């Protein structure tokens, strides 16, 4: 089945739309999922530390977002969507 030009244009606009701003992740949920792999701290400490790290990474991304190339932003954001654990630290490391 051939892909029409309009489908390509529409798809490319969706990728750009995703990359226009810092993505919105549910860090509390991601941190709770991540706690299962964390050892040595209490659950509350682990979640709090994770959320603090994520908020710091999100602020850093927000300040630098426009400086990263659009294709890189789109690629790193979509990679996070595949894994299920959507975290800003990972997007920042990717970029």
PDB file of N, CA and C in Angstrom:
ATOM      1  N   UNK A   1       0.845  -1.167   0.000  1.00  0.00           N
ATOM      2  CA  UNK A   1       0.000   0.000   0.000  1.00  0.00           C
ATOM      3  C   UNK A   1       0.900   1.242   0.000  1.00  0.00           C
ATOM      4  N   UNK A   2       0.856   2.043  -1.042  1.00  0.00           N
ATOM      5  CA  UNK A   2       1.708   3.225  -1.123  1.00  0.00           C
ATOM      6  C   UNK A   2       1.270   4.293  -0.117  1.00  0.00           C
ATOM      7  N   UNK A   3       2.249   5.021   0.378  1.00  0.00           N
ATOM      8  CA  UNK A   3       1.983   6.102   1.321  1.00  0.00           C
ATOM      9  C   UNK A   3       1.850   7.396   0.522  1.00  0.00           C
ATOM     10  N   UNK A   4       0.772   8.091   0.738  1.00  0.00           N
ATOM     11  CA  UNK A   4       0.543   9.328   0.000  1.00  0.00           C
ATOM     12  C   UNK A   4       1.375  10.469   0.574  1.00  0.00           C
ATOM     13  N   UNK A   5       1.581  11.471  -0.245  1.00  0.00           N
ATOM     14  CA  UNK A   5       2.335  12.649   0.180  1.00  0.00           C
ATOM     15  C   UNK A   5       1.667  13.325   1.380  1.00  0.00           C
ATOM     16  N   UNK A   6       0.355  13.380   1.362  1.00  0.00           N
ATOM     17  CA  UNK A   6      -0.357  14.029   2.466  1.00  0.00           C
ATOM     18  C   UNK A   6      -0.144  13.279   3.788  1.00  0.00           C
ATOM     19  N   UNK A   7      -0.022  11.965   3.745  1.00  0.00           N
ATOM     20  CA  UNK A   7       0.241  11.179   4.958  1.00  0.00           C
ATOM     21  C   UNK A   7       1.637  11.489   5.500  1.00  0.00           C
ATOM     22  N   UNK A   8       2.603  11.650   4.601  1.00  0.00           N
ATOM     23  CA  UNK A   8       3.965  11.971   5.028  1.00  0.00           C
ATOM     24  C   UNK A   8       3.991  13.347   5.690  1.00  0.00           C
ATOM     25  N   UNK A   9       3.342  14.317   5.066  1.00  0.00           N
ATOM     26  CA  UNK A   9       3.299  15.668   5.619  1.00  0.00           C
ATOM     27  C   UNK A   9       2.605  15.664   6.970  1.00  0.00           C
ATOM     28  N   UNK A  10       1.478  14.991   7.067  1.00  0.00           N
ATOM     29  CA  UNK A  10       0.738  14.928   8.327  1.00  0.00           C
ATOM     30  C   UNK A  10       1.582  14.269   9.411  1.00  0.00           C
ATOM     31  N   UNK A  11       2.259  13.181   9.089  1.00  0.00           N
ATOM     32  CA  UNK A  11       3.097  12.484  10.059  1.00  0.00           C
ATOM     33  C   UNK A  11       4.250  13.354  10.518  1.00  0.00           C
ATOM     34  N   UNK A  12       4.882  14.063   9.597  1.00  0.00           N
ATOM     35  CA  UNK A  12       6.013  14.897   9.984  1.00  0.00           C
ATOM     36  C   UNK A  12       5.567  16.038  10.889  1.00  0.00           C
ATOM     37  N   UNK A  13       4.375  16.554  10.695  1.00  0.00           N
ATOM     38  CA  UNK A  13       3.875  17.618  11.551  1.00  0.00           C
ATOM     39  C   UNK A  13       3.595  17.101  12.954  1.00  0.00           C
ATOM     40  N   UNK A  14       3.178  15.859  13.078  1.00  0.00           N
ATOM     41  CA  UNK A  14       2.931  15.294  14.400  1.00  0.00           C
ATOM     42  C   UNK A  14       4.240  15.160  15.167  1.00  0.00           C
ATOM     43  N   UNK A  15       5.314  14.772  14.490  1.00  0.00           N
ATOM     44  CA  UNK A  15       6.605  14.630  15.148  1.00  0.00           C
ATOM     45  C   UNK A  15       7.094  15.987  15.619  1.00  0.00           C
ATOM     46  N   UNK A  16       6.959  16.995  14.780  1.00  0.00           N
ATOM     47  CA  UNK A  16       7.392  18.332  15.154  1.00  0.00           C
ATOM     48  C   UNK A  16       6.559  18.848  16.324  1.00  0.00           C
ATOM     49  N   UNK A  17       5.271  18.585  16.322  1.00  0.00           N
ATOM     50  CA  UNK A  17       4.412  19.039  17.411  1.00  0.00           C
ATOM     51  C   UNK A  17       4.855  18.435  18.739  1.00  0.00           C
ATOM     52  N   UNK A  18       5.262  17.180  18.718  1.00  0.00           N
ATOM     53  CA  UNK A  18       5.731  16.519  19.936  1.00  0.00           C
ATOM     54  C   UNK A  18       7.009  17.182  20.416  1.00  0.00           C
ATOM     55  N   UNK A  19       7.863  17.599  19.484  1.00  0.00           N
ATOM     56  CA  UNK A  19       9.169  18.130  19.845  1.00  0.00           C
ATOM     57  C   UNK A  19       9.157  19.625  20.125  1.00  0.00           C
ATOM     58  N   UNK A  20       8.028  20.316  19.938  1.00  0.00           N
ATOM     59  CA  UNK A  20       7.976  21.759  20.127  1.00  0.00           C
ATOM     60  C   UNK A  20       8.186  22.186  21.568  1.00  0.00           C
ATOM     61  N   UNK A  21       7.719  21.417  22.519  1.00  0.00           N
ATOM     62  CA  UNK A  21       7.859  21.762  23.926  1.00  0.00           C
ATOM     63  C   UNK A  21       8.327  20.568  24.731  1.00  0.00           C
ATOM     64  N   UNK A  22       8.776  20.841  25.930  1.00  0.00           N
ATOM     65  CA  UNK A  22       9.214  19.761  26.822  1.00  0.00           C
ATOM     66  C   UNK A  22       8.028  18.834  27.038  1.00  0.00           C
ATOM     67  N   UNK A  23       8.224  17.522  26.873  1.00  0.00           N
ATOM     68  CA  UNK A  23       7.103  16.593  27.060  1.00  0.00           C
ATOM     69  C   UNK A  23       6.608  16.605  28.498  1.00  0.00           C
ATOM     70  N   UNK A  24       5.368  16.210  28.678  1.00  0.00           N
ATOM     71  CA  UNK A  24       4.769  16.150  30.018  1.00  0.00           C
ATOM     72  C   UNK A  24       4.690  14.685  30.448  1.00  0.00           C
ATOM     73  N   UNK A  25       5.460  14.326  31.455  1.00  0.00           N
ATOM     74  CA  UNK A  25       5.489  12.964  31.975  1.00  0.00           C
ATOM     75  C   UNK A  25       4.901  12.945  33.382  1.00  0.00           C
ATOM     76  N   UNK A  26       4.326  11.827  33.753  1.00  0.00           N
ATOM     77  CA  UNK A  26       3.829  11.615  35.114  1.00  0.00           C
ATOM     78  C   UNK A  26       4.993  11.073  35.938  1.00  0.00           C
ATOM     79  N   UNK A  27       5.801  11.977  36.497  1.00  0.00           N
ATOM     80  CA  UNK A  27       7.012  11.554  37.189  1.00  0.00           C
ATOM     81  C   UNK A  27       6.720  10.764  38.455  1.00  0.00           C
ATOM     82  N   UNK A  28       5.637  11.071  39.125  1.00  0.00           N
ATOM     83  CA  UNK A  28       5.301  10.317  40.342  1.00  0.00           C
ATOM     84  C   UNK A  28       5.072   8.851  39.997  1.00  0.00           C
ATOM     85  N   UNK A  29       4.342   8.604  38.929  1.00  0.00           N
ATOM     86  CA  UNK A  29       4.083   7.225  38.496  1.00  0.00           C
ATOM     87  C   UNK A  29       5.383   6.534  38.084  1.00  0.00           C
ATOM     88  N   UNK A  30       6.187   7.237  37.286  1.00  0.00           N
ATOM     89  CA  UNK A  30       7.452   6.663  36.825  1.00  0.00           C
ATOM     90  C   UNK A  30       8.374   6.362  37.997  1.00  0.00           C
ATOM     91  N   UNK A  31       8.404   7.264  38.965  1.00  0.00           N
ATOM     92  CA  UNK A  31       9.264   7.055  40.132  1.00  0.00           C
ATOM     93  C   UNK A  31       8.786   5.871  40.969  1.00  0.00           C
ATOM     94  N   UNK A  32       7.484   5.726  41.105  1.00  0.00           N
ATOM     95  CA  UNK A  32       6.953   4.585  41.858  1.00  0.00           C
ATOM     96  C   UNK A  32       7.328   3.273  41.176  1.00  0.00           C
ATOM     97  N   UNK A  33       7.285   3.255  39.847  1.00  0.00           N
ATOM     98  CA  UNK A  33       7.683   2.058  39.108  1.00  0.00           C
ATOM     99  C   UNK A  33       9.180   1.799  39.263  1.00  0.00           C
ATOM    100  N   UNK A  34       9.952   2.864  39.329  1.00  0.00           N
ATOM    101  CA  UNK A  34      11.402   2.750  39.438  1.00  0.00           C
ATOM    102  C   UNK A  34      11.853   2.293  40.812  1.00  0.00           C
ATOM    103  N   UNK A  35      11.041   2.542  41.832  1.00  0.00           N
ATOM    104  CA  UNK A  35      11.409   2.193  43.209  1.00  0.00           C
ATOM    105  C   UNK A  35      11.648   0.699  43.364  1.00  0.00           C
ATOM    106  N   UNK A  36      10.979  -0.106  42.582  1.00  0.00           N
ATOM    107  CA  UNK A  36      11.164  -1.553  42.665  1.00  0.00           C
ATOM    108  C   UNK A  36      12.618  -1.945  42.411  1.00  0.00           C
ATOM    109  N   UNK A  37      13.336  -1.141  41.624  1.00  0.00           N
ATOM    110  CA  UNK A  37      14.726  -1.446  41.309  1.00  0.00           C
ATOM    111  C   UNK A  37      15.709  -0.758  42.254  1.00  0.00           C
ATOM    112  N   UNK A  38      15.220   0.048  43.178  1.00  0.00           N
ATOM    113  CA  UNK A  38      16.073   0.812  44.080  1.00  0.00           C
ATOM    114  C   UNK A  38      16.262   0.059  45.388  1.00  0.00           C
ATOM    115  N   UNK A  39      17.500  -0.001  45.833  1.00  0.00           N
ATOM    116  CA  UNK A  39      17.781  -0.678  47.103  1.00  0.00           C
ATOM    117  C   UNK A  39      18.516   0.283  48.032  1.00  0.00           C
ATOM    118  N   UNK A  40      18.338   0.104  49.324  1.00  0.00           N
ATOM    119  CA  UNK A  40      19.097   0.860  50.302  1.00  0.00           C
ATOM    120  C   UNK A  40      18.350   2.018  50.935  1.00  0.00           C
ATOM    121  N   UNK A  41      17.372   2.595  50.281  1.00  0.00           N
ATOM    122  CA  UNK A  41      16.602   3.692  50.854  1.00  0.00           C
ATOM    123  C   UNK A  41      15.183   3.219  51.117  1.00  0.00           C
ATOM    124  N   UNK A  42      14.510   3.905  52.007  1.00  0.00           N
ATOM    125  CA  UNK A  42      13.111   3.579  52.219  1.00  0.00           C
ATOM    126  C   UNK A  42      12.328   3.950  50.973  1.00  0.00           C
ATOM    127  N   UNK A  43      11.152   3.389  50.821  1.00  0.00           N
ATOM    128  CA  UNK A  43      10.324   3.660  49.656  1.00  0.00           C
ATOM    129  C   UNK A  43      10.033   5.151  49.541  1.00  0.00           C
ATOM    130  N   UNK A  44       9.654   5.786  50.648  1.00  0.00           N
ATOM    131  CA  UNK A  44       9.347   7.219  50.627  1.00  0.00           C
ATOM    132  C   UNK A  44      10.558   8.049  50.223  1.00  0.00           C
ATOM    133  N   UNK A  45      11.738   7.711  50.755  1.00  0.00           N
ATOM    134  CA  UNK A  45      12.957   8.436  50.396  1.00  0.00           C
ATOM    135  C   UNK A  45      13.283   8.243  48.922  1.00  0.00           C
ATOM    136  N   UNK A  46      13.130   7.026  48.426  1.00  0.00           N
ATOM    137  CA  UNK A  46      13.435   6.724  47.032  1.00  0.00           C
ATOM    138  C   UNK A  46      12.528   7.504  46.093  1.00  0.00           C
ATOM    139  N   UNK A  47      11.228   7.510  46.395  1.00  0.00           N
ATOM    140  CA  UNK A  47      10.277   8.224  45.540  1.00  0.00           C
ATOM    141  C   UNK A  47      10.561   9.722  45.587  1.00  0.00           C
ATOM    142  N   UNK A  48      10.785  10.257  46.777  1.00  0.00           N
ATOM    143  CA  UNK A  48      11.052  11.691  46.919  1.00  0.00           C
ATOM    144  C   UNK A  48      12.327  12.086  46.166  1.00  0.00           C
ATOM    145  N   UNK A  49      13.367  11.304  46.300  1.00  0.00           N
ATOM    146  CA  UNK A  49      14.624  11.572  45.614  1.00  0.00           C
ATOM    147  C   UNK A  49      14.445  11.514  44.092  1.00  0.00           C
ATOM    148  N   UNK A  50      13.712  10.522  43.630  1.00  0.00           N
ATOM    149  CA  UNK A  50      13.439  10.362  42.210  1.00  0.00           C
ATOM    150  C   UNK A  50      12.655  11.555  41.671  1.00  0.00           C
ATOM    151  N   UNK A  51      11.611  11.950  42.364  1.00  0.00           N
ATOM    152  CA  UNK A  51      10.786  13.079  41.931  1.00  0.00           C
ATOM    153  C   UNK A  51      11.622  14.359  41.893  1.00  0.00           C
ATOM    154  N   UNK A  52      12.474  14.563  42.904  1.00  0.00           N
ATOM    155  CA  UNK A  52      13.347  15.743  42.912  1.00  0.00           C
ATOM    156  C   UNK A  52      14.285  15.745  41.712  1.00  0.00           C
ATOM    157  N   UNK A  53      14.885  14.590  41.411  1.00  0.00           N
ATOM    158  CA  UNK A  53      15.772  14.473  40.242  1.00  0.00           C
ATOM    159  C   UNK A  53      15.020  14.777  38.952  1.00  0.00           C
ATOM    160  N   UNK A  54      13.810  14.252  38.850  1.00  0.00           N
ATOM    161  CA  UNK A  54      13.003  14.463  37.646  1.00  0.00           C
ATOM    162  C   UNK A  54      12.603  15.929  37.486  1.00  0.00           C
ATOM    163  N   UNK A  55      12.226  16.573  38.579  1.00  0.00           N
ATOM    164  CA  UNK A  55      11.848  17.983  38.506  1.00  0.00           C
ATOM    165  C   UNK A  55      13.051  18.837  38.103  1.00  0.00           C
ATOM    166  N   UNK A  56      14.210  18.503  38.621  1.00  0.00           N
ATOM    167  CA  UNK A  56      15.439  19.223  38.268  1.00  0.00           C
ATOM    168  C   UNK A  56      15.757  19.031  36.786  1.00  0.00           C
ATOM    169  N   UNK A  57      15.629  17.807  36.294  1.00  0.00           N
ATOM    170  CA  UNK A  57      15.896  17.519  34.877  1.00  0.00           C
ATOM    171  C   UNK A  57      14.884  18.228  33.987  1.00  0.00           C
ATOM    172  N   UNK A  58      13.625  18.276  34.406  1.00  0.00           N
ATOM    173  CA  UNK A  58      12.597  18.960  33.607  1.00  0.00           C
ATOM    174  C   UNK A  58      12.896  20.450  33.516  1.00  0.00           C
ATOM    175  N   UNK A  59      13.303  21.066  34.625  1.00  0.00           N
ATOM    176  CA  UNK A  59      13.654  22.498  34.599  1.00  0.00           C
ATOM    177  C   UNK A  59      14.842  22.742  33.672  1.00  0.00           C
ATOM    178  N   UNK A  60      15.819  21.846  33.727  1.00  0.00           N
ATOM    179  CA  UNK A  60      16.990  21.985  32.857  1.00  0.00           C
ATOM    180  C   UNK A  60      16.589  21.836  31.393  1.00  0.00           C
ATOM    181  N   UNK A  61      15.736  20.860  31.109  1.00  0.00           N
ATOM    182  CA  UNK A  61      15.246  20.681  29.737  1.00  0.00           C
ATOM    183  C   UNK A  61      14.470  21.906  29.269  1.00  0.00           C
ATOM    184  N   UNK A  62      13.623  22.432  30.130  1.00  0.00           N
ATOM    185  CA  UNK A  62      12.819  23.598  29.759  1.00  0.00           C
ATOM    186  C   UNK A  62      13.709  24.781  29.398  1.00  0.00           C
ATOM    187  N   UNK A  63      14.794  24.950  30.106  1.00  0.00           N
ATOM    188  CA  UNK A  63      15.702  26.045  29.840  1.00  0.00           C
ATOM    189  C   UNK A  63      16.525  25.881  28.579  1.00  0.00           C
ATOM    190  N   UNK A  64      16.731  24.638  28.160  1.00  0.00           N
ATOM    191  CA  UNK A  64      17.606  24.365  27.017  1.00  0.00           C
ATOM    192  C   UNK A  64      16.870  23.786  25.813  1.00  0.00           C
ATOM    193  N   UNK A  65      15.580  23.511  25.939  1.00  0.00           N
ATOM    194  CA  UNK A  65      14.815  22.775  24.931  1.00  0.00           C
ATOM    195  C   UNK A  65      15.001  23.321  23.522  1.00  0.00           C
ATOM    196  N   UNK A  66      14.865  24.623  23.356  1.00  0.00           N
ATOM    197  CA  UNK A  66      14.936  25.216  22.018  1.00  0.00           C
ATOM    198  C   UNK A  66      16.340  25.147  21.425  1.00  0.00           C
ATOM    199  N   UNK A  67      17.346  24.913  22.242  1.00  0.00           N
ATOM    200  CA  UNK A  67      18.730  24.823  21.761  1.00  0.00           C
ATOM    201  C   UNK A  67      19.040  23.464  21.134  1.00  0.00           C
ATOM    202  N   UNK A  68      18.246  22.452  21.456  1.00  0.00           N
ATOM    203  CA  UNK A  68      18.456  21.123  20.885  1.00  0.00           C
ATOM    204  C   UNK A  68      17.797  21.056  19.516  1.00  0.00           C
ATOM    205  N   UNK A  69      18.409  20.357  18.554  1.00  0.00           N
ATOM    206  CA  UNK A  69      17.802  20.239  17.229  1.00  0.00           C
ATOM    207  C   UNK A  69      16.459  19.501  17.300  1.00  0.00           C
ATOM    208  N   UNK A  70      15.497  19.969  16.516  1.00  0.00           N
ATOM    209  CA  UNK A  70      14.148  19.379  16.523  1.00  0.00           C
ATOM    210  C   UNK A  70      14.154  17.871  16.283  1.00  0.00           C
ATOM    211  N   UNK A  71      14.947  17.359  15.315  1.00  0.00           N
ATOM    212  CA  UNK A  71      14.947  15.899  15.116  1.00  0.00           C
ATOM    213  C   UNK A  71      15.429  15.137  16.357  1.00  0.00           C
ATOM    214  N   UNK A  72      16.400  15.688  17.060  1.00  0.00           N
ATOM    215  CA  UNK A  72      16.893  15.052  18.287  1.00  0.00           C
ATOM    216  C   UNK A  72      15.848  15.053  19.380  1.00  0.00           C
ATOM    217  N   UNK A  73      15.145  16.185  19.523  1.00  0.00           N
ATOM    218  CA  UNK A  73      14.070  16.273  20.527  1.00  0.00           C
ATOM    219  C   UNK A  73      12.995  15.241  20.238  1.00  0.00           C
ATOM    220  N   UNK A  74      12.591  15.149  18.965  1.00  0.00           N
ATOM    221  CA  UNK A  74      11.545  14.197  18.587  1.00  0.00           C
ATOM    222  C   UNK A  74      12.002  12.763  18.819  1.00  0.00           C
ATOM    223  N   UNK A  75      13.236  12.471  18.448  1.00  0.00           N
ATOM    224  CA  UNK A  75      13.764  11.116  18.602  1.00  0.00           C
ATOM    225  C   UNK A  75      13.854  10.710  20.074  1.00  0.00           C
ATOM    226  N   UNK A  76      14.407  11.576  20.892  1.00  0.00           N
ATOM    227  CA  UNK A  76      14.578  11.250  22.309  1.00  0.00           C
ATOM    228  C   UNK A  76      13.232  11.139  23.023  1.00  0.00           C
ATOM    229  N   UNK A  77      12.285  11.993  22.658  1.00  0.00           N
ATOM    230  CA  UNK A  77      10.958  11.936  23.264  1.00  0.00           C
ATOM    231  C   UNK A  77      10.241  10.655  22.876  1.00  0.00           C
ATOM    232  N   UNK A  78      10.332  10.278  21.610  1.00  0.00           N
ATOM    233  CA  UNK A  78       9.646   9.061  21.183  1.00  0.00           C
ATOM    234  C   UNK A  78      10.311   7.814  21.752  1.00  0.00           C
ATOM    235  N   UNK A  79      11.625   7.858  21.967  1.00  0.00           N
ATOM    236  CA  UNK A  79      12.300   6.720  22.600  1.00  0.00           C
ATOM    237  C   UNK A  79      11.772   6.505  24.013  1.00  0.00           C
ATOM    238  N   UNK A  80      11.505   7.578  24.725  1.00  0.00           N
ATOM    239  CA  UNK A  80      10.954   7.481  26.075  1.00  0.00           C
ATOM    240  C   UNK A  80       9.555   6.889  26.059  1.00  0.00           C
ATOM    241  N   UNK A  81       8.797   7.172  25.021  1.00  0.00           N
ATOM    242  CA  UNK A  81       7.432   6.655  24.930  1.00  0.00           C
ATOM    243  C   UNK A  81       7.417   5.149  24.716  1.00  0.00           C
ATOM    244  N   UNK A  82       8.453   4.611  24.106  1.00  0.00           N
ATOM    245  CA  UNK A  82       8.519   3.176  23.828  1.00  0.00           C
ATOM    246  C   UNK A  82       8.745   2.377  25.099  1.00  0.00           C
ATOM    247  N   UNK A  83       9.626   2.851  25.969  1.00  0.00           N
ATOM    248  CA  UNK A  83      10.011   2.093  27.149  1.00  0.00           C
ATOM    249  C   UNK A  83       8.967   1.997  28.241  1.00  0.00           C
ATOM    250  N   UNK A  84       8.006   2.902  28.265  1.00  0.00           N
ATOM    251  CA  UNK A  84       6.997   2.882  29.306  1.00  0.00           C
ATOM    252  C   UNK A  84       7.384   3.684  30.533  1.00  0.00           C
ATOM    253  N   UNK A  85       8.675   3.777  30.844  1.00  0.00           N
ATOM    254  CA  UNK A  85       9.169   4.571  31.965  1.00  0.00           C
ATOM    255  C   UNK A  85       9.539   5.947  31.420  1.00  0.00           C
ATOM    256  N   UNK A  86       8.615   6.853  31.415  1.00  0.00           N
ATOM    257  CA  UNK A  86       8.858   8.177  30.867  1.00  0.00           C
ATOM    258  C   UNK A  86       9.517   9.053  31.917  1.00  0.00           C
ATOM    259  N   UNK A  87      10.798   9.323  31.706  1.00  0.00           N
ATOM    260  CA  UNK A  87      11.524  10.127  32.676  1.00  0.00           C
ATOM    261  C   UNK A  87      12.350  11.206  31.972  1.00  0.00           C
ATOM    262  N   UNK A  88      12.400  12.372  32.601  1.00  0.00           N
ATOM    263  CA  UNK A  88      13.119  13.515  32.042  1.00  0.00           C
ATOM    264  C   UNK A  88      14.626  13.303  32.060  1.00  0.00           C
ATOM    265  N   UNK A  89      15.140  12.616  33.073  1.00  0.00           N
ATOM    266  CA  UNK A  89      16.565  12.378  33.159  1.00  0.00           C
ATOM    267  C   UNK A  89      17.039  11.628  31.917  1.00  0.00           C
ATOM    268  N   UNK A  90      16.250  10.677  31.461  1.00  0.00           N
ATOM    269  CA  UNK A  90      16.595   9.913  30.270  1.00  0.00           C
ATOM    270  C   UNK A  90      16.571  10.772  29.007  1.00  0.00           C
ATOM    271  N   UNK A  91      15.571  11.623  28.891  1.00  0.00           N
ATOM    272  CA  UNK A  91      15.486  12.511  27.726  1.00  0.00           C
ATOM    273  C   UNK A  91      16.685  13.451  27.729  1.00  0.00           C
ATOM    274  N   UNK A  92      17.023  13.980  28.878  1.00  0.00           N
ATOM    275  CA  UNK A  92      18.166  14.878  28.998  1.00  0.00           C
ATOM    276  C   UNK A  92      19.460  14.168  28.619  1.00  0.00           C
ATOM    277  N   UNK A  93      19.633  12.950  29.093  1.00  0.00           N
ATOM    278  CA  UNK A  93      20.825  12.177  28.746  1.00  0.00           C
ATOM    279  C   UNK A  93      20.864  11.873  27.251  1.00  0.00           C
ATOM    280  N   UNK A  94      19.725  11.594  26.660  1.00  0.00           N
ATOM    281  CA  UNK A  94      19.642  11.306  25.229  1.00  0.00           C
ATOM    282  C   UNK A  94      20.060  12.514  24.412  1.00  0.00           C
ATOM    283  N   UNK A  95      19.593  13.683  24.830  1.00  0.00           N
ATOM    284  CA  UNK A  95      19.914  14.911  24.091  1.00  0.00           C
ATOM    285  C   UNK A  95      21.341  15.342  24.338  1.00  0.00           C
TER     286      UNK A  95
END
